Amino acid sequence: MATLSQWIAGARPRTLPAAVAPVVVGTAAAAPLDEANFGLGLLAVLVSLGLQVGVNYANDYSDGIRGTDADRVGPIRLVGQHKADPQNVKLMAFAFFGAAALVGLALVAISQTWIMIPLGALAVIAAWKYTGGDNPYGYRGLGELYVFLFFGLMATLGTLYTQAHEITALGVYGAVGVGAIASAILVANNLRDIPTDRESGKLTLAVRLGDRGTRMLYVALVIVAVVMVVLISTQQVFALIALLSLAVVARPIRGLLAGATGRDLVPVLASTGIFEIVYAVLLAAGIALSLSVG
């Protein structure tokens, strides 16, 4: 029987910045329209966190029953390491999906943005299909695309839309930036797992690209995030302070480019999660500062 600390570890707390950061950026993107609403932002955070924890438990369940988590480096695997009954882990996944859906319905009702209902349903289905079902797309190298679309574009622009009822170029730039970093978190995770994923037949993008290609992809995603800050600064000049967030990943990137493997990649994964939330907070602060000065 899994302990409480094991259940918490199984939720993979290091991935949670990927749920909070897009809401921070989406709310900041609503500020130039004078539509930023922190109450709606809080609801959006709860939805995003519910989906993130749900997909983490769902992945634990699906990978565990397939046997692909039997020998992994990194956080605890509740099913793969026989810490919890698989059905209980599956139930936990759907409990968080259900909680996210309920809060999401409240968010939609308050903001009167009904188009978000089918989009939210699509997000839950995609979360389950990532590693669940008969033909999981996470096993075909599409995991990073899922993260970019749902924890980048949809989470950020959905937050913006529920508050401002429109999509702006600033919002799109911010969505691409946080989506790129969220994808980089998964890239770092899958780089670490290349040997075991290849052996178990899990053809992640990292397995398909190989070790060197995956390392270059990580760096490219960080560069994309930087470029988005520069583009945002053409509208809100003090957004450039978000570039200070690069200090968080400077050392881990050096280790990654030097060829770190296995457990030595865990700091890269953790630092990338911190990088995303620092990037989002500094970007929001830069936008707020630009508006106050302007």
Protein backbone atom coordinates (compact mmCIF):
# COMPACT_ATOMS: atom_id res chain seq x y z
CA MET A 1 0.00 0.00 0.00
CA ALA A 2 1.49 3.32 -1.07
CA THR A 3 2.15 5.90 1.61
CA LEU A 4 0.98 9.49 1.35
CA SER A 5 4.49 10.65 0.49
CA GLN A 6 4.64 8.07 -2.31
CA TRP A 7 1.30 9.25 -3.70
CA ILE A 8 2.61 12.82 -3.63
CA ALA A 9 5.82 11.74 -5.37
CA GLY A 10 3.72 9.85 -7.92
CA ALA A 11 1.95 13.10 -8.78
CA ARG A 12 5.39 14.34 -9.96
CA PRO A 13 5.47 17.77 -8.31
CA ARG A 14 8.39 18.88 -10.48
CA THR A 15 6.06 18.99 -13.48
CA LEU A 16 3.52 21.31 -11.83
CA PRO A 17 5.17 24.56 -12.99
CA ALA A 18 4.04 23.52 -16.48
CA ALA A 19 0.46 23.87 -15.22
CA VAL A 20 0.85 27.22 -13.43
CA ALA A 21 3.09 29.11 -15.87
CA PRO A 22 0.64 29.32 -18.81
CA VAL A 23 -2.09 30.73 -16.57
CA VAL A 24 0.31 33.39 -15.27
CA VAL A 25 1.22 34.37 -18.83
CA GLY A 26 -2.38 34.23 -20.05
CA THR A 27 -3.50 36.52 -17.25
CA ALA A 28 -0.62 38.89 -17.97
CA ALA A 29 -1.62 38.95 -21.64
CA ALA A 30 -5.09 40.15 -20.61
CA ALA A 31 -3.62 43.10 -18.69
CA PRO A 32 -2.94 45.38 -21.71
CA LEU A 33 -6.64 44.99 -22.55
CA ASP A 34 -7.50 45.98 -18.96
CA GLU A 35 -9.20 42.61 -18.56
CA ALA A 36 -6.89 40.70 -16.20
CA ASN A 37 -9.05 38.86 -13.65
CA PHE A 38 -7.23 37.10 -10.82
CA GLY A 39 -10.33 35.21 -9.68
CA LEU A 40 -10.74 33.62 -13.10
CA GLY A 41 -7.00 33.07 -13.18
CA LEU A 42 -7.17 31.12 -9.92
CA LEU A 43 -9.88 28.87 -11.35
CA ALA A 44 -7.76 28.34 -14.47
CA VAL A 45 -4.80 27.34 -12.28
CA LEU A 46 -6.94 24.73 -10.50
CA VAL A 47 -8.10 23.33 -13.85
CA SER A 48 -4.57 23.17 -15.18
CA LEU A 49 -3.18 21.57 -12.02
CA GLY A 50 -5.96 18.98 -12.04
CA LEU A 51 -5.16 18.04 -15.62
CA GLN A 52 -1.41 17.91 -14.93
CA VAL A 53 -1.68 15.67 -11.88
CA GLY A 54 -4.32 13.57 -13.66
CA VAL A 55 -2.10 12.96 -16.67
CA ASN A 56 0.83 12.12 -14.37
CA TYR A 57 -1.17 9.42 -12.61
CA ALA A 58 -2.61 8.25 -15.92
CA ASN A 59 0.90 7.87 -17.35
CA ASP A 60 2.01 6.01 -14.23
CA TYR A 61 -0.91 3.60 -14.63
CA SER A 62 -0.63 3.05 -18.38
CA ASP A 63 3.17 2.73 -18.47
CA GLY A 64 3.07 0.50 -15.41
CA ILE A 65 0.62 -2.06 -16.78
CA ARG A 66 2.57 -2.17 -20.05
CA GLY A 67 5.80 -2.87 -18.18
CA THR A 68 7.65 0.17 -19.53
CA ASP A 69 8.23 1.58 -16.02
CA ALA A 70 9.84 -1.53 -14.58
CA ASP A 71 13.39 -0.14 -14.64
CA ARG A 72 13.50 3.66 -14.71
CA VAL A 73 15.70 6.44 -13.34
CA GLY A 74 13.80 9.30 -11.77
CA PRO A 75 10.64 9.79 -9.71
CA ILE A 76 8.72 6.95 -8.11
CA ARG A 77 6.48 4.81 -10.33
CA LEU A 78 3.51 3.66 -8.27
CA VAL A 79 2.46 0.86 -10.62
CA GLY A 80 5.79 -0.04 -12.22
CA GLN A 81 7.45 -0.39 -8.82
CA HIS A 82 4.41 -2.14 -7.30
CA LYS A 83 3.82 0.58 -4.72
CA ALA A 84 0.07 0.86 -5.36
CA ASP A 85 -2.72 -1.15 -6.94
CA PRO A 86 -3.03 -0.20 -10.64
CA GLN A 87 -6.78 0.34 -10.38
CA ASN A 88 -6.30 2.78 -7.51
CA VAL A 89 -3.81 4.78 -9.56
CA LYS A 90 -6.25 4.80 -12.49
CA LEU A 91 -9.03 5.93 -10.14
CA MET A 92 -6.81 8.74 -8.84
CA ALA A 93 -6.11 9.89 -12.40
CA PHE A 94 -9.80 10.13 -13.22
CA ALA A 95 -10.55 11.78 -9.89
CA PHE A 96 -8.23 14.63 -10.82
CA PHE A 97 -9.62 14.76 -14.36
CA GLY A 98 -13.11 14.98 -12.86
CA ALA A 99 -12.12 17.71 -10.43
CA ALA A 100 -10.53 19.69 -13.28
CA ALA A 101 -13.73 19.28 -15.31
CA LEU A 102 -15.94 20.55 -12.51
CA VAL A 103 -13.79 23.62 -11.87
CA GLY A 104 -13.56 24.13 -15.62
CA LEU A 105 -17.34 24.19 -15.91
CA ALA A 106 -17.49 26.84 -13.19
CA LEU A 107 -14.84 28.88 -15.02
CA VAL A 108 -16.77 28.64 -18.30
CA ALA A 109 -20.07 29.54 -16.68
CA ILE A 110 -18.67 32.59 -14.90
CA SER A 111 -16.76 33.85 -17.94
CA GLN A 112 -19.49 32.86 -20.43
CA THR A 113 -16.92 31.26 -22.74
CA TRP A 114 -18.86 28.15 -23.74
CA ILE A 115 -16.47 27.21 -26.55
CA MET A 116 -14.05 26.10 -23.84
CA ILE A 117 -16.26 23.10 -22.93
CA PRO A 118 -15.44 20.98 -26.02
CA LEU A 119 -11.83 22.16 -25.88
CA GLY A 120 -11.61 21.10 -22.25
CA ALA A 121 -13.13 17.71 -23.06
CA LEU A 122 -10.53 17.31 -25.82
CA ALA A 123 -7.77 18.09 -23.32
CA VAL A 124 -8.96 15.31 -20.97
CA ILE A 125 -9.23 12.78 -23.80
CA ALA A 126 -5.77 13.73 -25.05
CA ALA A 127 -4.37 13.43 -21.52
CA TRP A 128 -5.61 9.84 -21.25
CA LYS A 129 -4.59 8.87 -24.78
CA TYR A 130 -1.03 10.06 -24.21
CA THR A 131 0.00 6.69 -22.82
CA GLY A 132 -3.44 5.04 -22.40
CA GLY A 133 -5.65 3.11 -24.77
CA ASP A 134 -4.74 0.76 -27.61
CA ASN A 135 -2.58 3.17 -29.60
CA PRO A 136 -1.07 5.80 -27.28
CA TYR A 137 0.44 8.69 -29.20
CA GLY A 138 3.13 9.17 -26.54
CA TYR A 139 4.61 5.90 -27.80
CA ARG A 140 4.80 7.33 -31.33
CA GLY A 141 6.87 10.40 -30.58
CA LEU A 142 3.99 12.89 -30.26
CA GLY A 143 4.23 13.65 -26.56
CA GLU A 144 6.05 16.96 -26.99
CA LEU A 145 3.40 18.11 -29.47
CA TYR A 146 0.67 17.30 -26.92
CA VAL A 147 2.46 19.30 -24.22
CA PHE A 148 3.01 22.26 -26.55
CA LEU A 149 -0.62 22.32 -27.67
CA PHE A 150 -2.34 21.77 -24.32
CA PHE A 151 0.10 23.14 -21.73
CA GLY A 152 1.27 25.91 -24.03
CA LEU A 153 -1.26 27.17 -26.55
CA MET A 154 -4.54 26.00 -25.02
CA ALA A 155 -3.74 26.73 -21.37
CA THR A 156 -2.33 30.19 -22.07
CA LEU A 157 -4.78 31.30 -24.73
CA GLY A 158 -7.69 29.67 -22.90
CA THR A 159 -6.81 31.72 -19.82
CA LEU A 160 -6.58 34.87 -21.93
CA TYR A 161 -9.86 34.15 -23.68
CA THR A 162 -11.84 33.50 -20.48
CA GLN A 163 -10.71 36.88 -19.16
CA ALA A 164 -10.62 39.09 -22.25
CA HIS A 165 -12.86 37.20 -24.71
CA GLU A 166 -10.26 37.64 -27.43
CA ILE A 167 -6.86 36.36 -28.53
CA THR A 168 -3.95 38.76 -29.07
CA ALA A 169 -0.52 38.52 -30.67
CA LEU A 170 1.05 39.07 -27.24
CA GLY A 171 -0.93 36.11 -25.92
CA VAL A 172 0.20 33.92 -28.81
CA TYR A 173 3.85 34.83 -28.27
CA GLY A 174 3.55 34.06 -24.58
CA ALA A 175 1.77 30.78 -25.30
CA VAL A 176 4.51 29.67 -27.67
CA GLY A 177 7.18 30.64 -25.13
CA VAL A 178 5.76 28.68 -22.19
CA GLY A 179 4.74 25.84 -24.51
CA ALA A 180 8.31 25.52 -25.73
CA ILE A 181 9.64 25.33 -22.16
CA ALA A 182 6.95 22.84 -21.11
CA SER A 183 7.96 20.70 -24.08
CA ALA A 184 11.60 21.03 -23.01
CA ILE A 185 10.67 19.51 -19.64
CA LEU A 186 9.38 16.42 -21.43
CA VAL A 187 12.41 16.39 -23.75
CA ALA A 188 14.74 16.32 -20.73
CA ASN A 189 12.66 13.55 -19.16
CA ASN A 190 12.65 11.45 -22.33
CA LEU A 191 16.36 12.05 -22.95
CA ARG A 192 17.04 10.49 -19.57
CA ASP A 193 14.80 7.54 -20.41
CA ILE A 194 16.10 6.78 -23.93
CA PRO A 195 17.81 3.47 -22.97
CA THR A 196 14.81 2.02 -21.12
CA ASP A 197 12.23 3.41 -23.57
CA ARG A 198 14.11 1.94 -26.54
CA GLU A 199 14.35 -1.42 -24.82
CA SER A 200 10.62 -1.47 -23.98
CA GLY A 201 9.54 -0.34 -27.45
CA LYS A 202 8.34 3.12 -26.38
CA LEU A 203 9.25 5.21 -29.42
CA THR A 204 9.31 8.68 -27.89
CA LEU A 205 10.61 11.59 -29.91
CA ALA A 206 13.87 11.27 -27.98
CA VAL A 207 14.23 7.64 -29.07
CA ARG A 208 13.51 8.63 -32.67
CA LEU A 209 15.92 11.60 -32.68
CA GLY A 210 18.65 9.85 -30.74
CA ASP A 211 20.83 11.25 -27.97
CA ARG A 212 22.47 14.14 -29.85
CA GLY A 213 19.31 15.18 -31.71
CA THR A 214 17.34 15.29 -28.46
CA ARG A 215 19.94 17.49 -26.79
CA MET A 216 19.80 19.89 -29.73
CA LEU A 217 16.00 19.91 -29.58
CA TYR A 218 16.12 20.95 -25.91
CA VAL A 219 18.39 23.88 -26.71
CA ALA A 220 16.21 24.87 -29.69
CA LEU A 221 13.12 25.00 -27.46
CA VAL A 222 14.90 27.28 -25.00
CA ILE A 223 15.89 29.53 -27.91
CA VAL A 224 12.26 29.65 -29.06
CA ALA A 225 11.24 30.85 -25.59
CA VAL A 226 13.90 33.58 -25.76
CA VAL A 227 12.73 34.72 -29.20
CA MET A 228 9.16 35.01 -27.90
CA VAL A 229 10.32 37.34 -25.13
CA VAL A 230 12.02 39.56 -27.71
CA LEU A 231 8.83 39.65 -29.79
CA ILE A 232 6.73 40.54 -26.74
CA SER A 233 9.18 43.30 -25.86
CA THR A 234 8.32 45.05 -29.13
CA GLN A 235 4.94 45.73 -27.51
CA GLN A 236 5.88 45.73 -23.81
CA VAL A 237 9.55 46.69 -23.56
CA PHE A 238 10.16 45.66 -19.95
CA ALA A 239 9.17 42.09 -20.82
CA LEU A 240 12.89 41.69 -21.56
CA ILE A 241 13.46 41.09 -17.84
CA ALA A 242 12.11 37.58 -18.46
CA LEU A 243 15.49 36.81 -20.04
CA LEU A 244 16.94 36.81 -16.52
CA SER A 245 15.23 33.43 -16.08
CA LEU A 246 17.95 31.91 -18.27
CA ALA A 247 20.21 32.00 -15.22
CA VAL A 248 18.17 29.10 -13.84
CA VAL A 249 19.08 26.76 -16.71
CA ALA A 250 22.54 28.04 -17.68
CA ARG A 251 24.43 25.45 -15.65
CA PRO A 252 22.06 22.52 -16.41
CA ILE A 253 22.31 23.29 -20.14
CA ARG A 254 26.09 23.14 -19.91
CA GLY A 255 25.79 19.73 -18.27
CA LEU A 256 23.30 18.57 -20.90
CA LEU A 257 25.57 19.68 -23.75
CA ALA A 258 28.53 18.04 -22.01
CA GLY A 259 26.75 14.69 -22.29
CA ALA A 260 25.10 14.15 -18.90
CA THR A 261 23.08 10.92 -18.76
CA GLY A 262 20.87 8.98 -16.35
CA ARG A 263 20.59 10.48 -12.89
CA ASP A 264 22.83 13.37 -13.92
CA LEU A 265 19.93 14.61 -16.07
CA VAL A 266 17.55 14.87 -13.10
CA PRO A 267 18.83 18.38 -12.22
CA VAL A 268 18.17 19.43 -15.82
CA LEU A 269 14.58 18.26 -15.52
CA ALA A 270 14.07 20.02 -12.17
CA SER A 271 15.74 23.23 -13.33
CA THR A 272 13.65 23.37 -16.49
CA GLY A 273 10.48 23.27 -14.42
CA ILE A 274 11.77 26.12 -12.25
CA PHE A 275 12.85 27.97 -15.38
CA GLU A 276 9.32 27.85 -16.76
CA ILE A 277 7.67 29.37 -13.70
CA VAL A 278 10.40 32.03 -13.28
CA TYR A 279 10.09 32.86 -16.99
CA ALA A 280 6.33 33.25 -16.66
CA VAL A 281 6.47 35.37 -13.48
CA LEU A 282 9.18 37.68 -14.85
CA LEU A 283 7.33 38.00 -18.14
CA ALA A 284 4.15 38.97 -16.29
CA ALA A 285 6.10 41.42 -14.14
CA GLY A 286 7.69 42.95 -17.22
CA ILE A 287 4.32 43.43 -18.88
CA ALA A 288 2.91 44.99 -15.71
CA LEU A 289 5.90 47.32 -15.43
CA SER A 290 5.59 48.35 -19.07
CA LEU A 291 1.91 49.21 -18.55
CA SER A 292 2.59 51.20 -15.39
CA VAL A 293 5.38 53.20 -17.00
CA GLY A 294 3.48 53.67 -20.25
